[in-house]
Amino acid sequence: HAVKERSTGFDFPKKNKLGALRGLGVRTKGPIKVYAVGRYDKGFLLKMKMGVGAEKMSNALVDAVKPRCSDNAAVDQFKELMVSGLPDGCKKGMELGFDTSGGKLGLTVNGRGRGSVSSRKLC
């Protein structure tokens, strides 16, 4: 079973490997919907509504994480992981998974593992 995020039309599973769905949201830039996000027990699932370059996407996520994380080295590693894990950028319809369990932040792109950064502070 799935829950539909109304403004983007994306379906999010009620349960997946990240646990149970806890909430939905949308990232907008002005009037443009950039991605929908599902918050789960052990992480987040982003579904891209529009295409964005890897550098731009990684910068936006680092800007969101940085104020909450004092581990600057881990934040830098996370940015490198994002850029290397998205060699062709974030395409429309792409899914990015962020697993925050086990003291590390893992990245999946369309369900395929791209790596992780070990840091309890980053999670």
Foldseek 3Di string as FASTA:
>chain_A
DWDAPPPLRDTDRCQDPLAGFDDKDFDADVPRTQWIWTQHNFWIKIFGQAWDAQLVVLVVVLVVQVVQFPPVVLSVVSSVLSCVLCVPGGHHGKMWIWGRPDQWTWIDINNHTSDIGHHNSSD
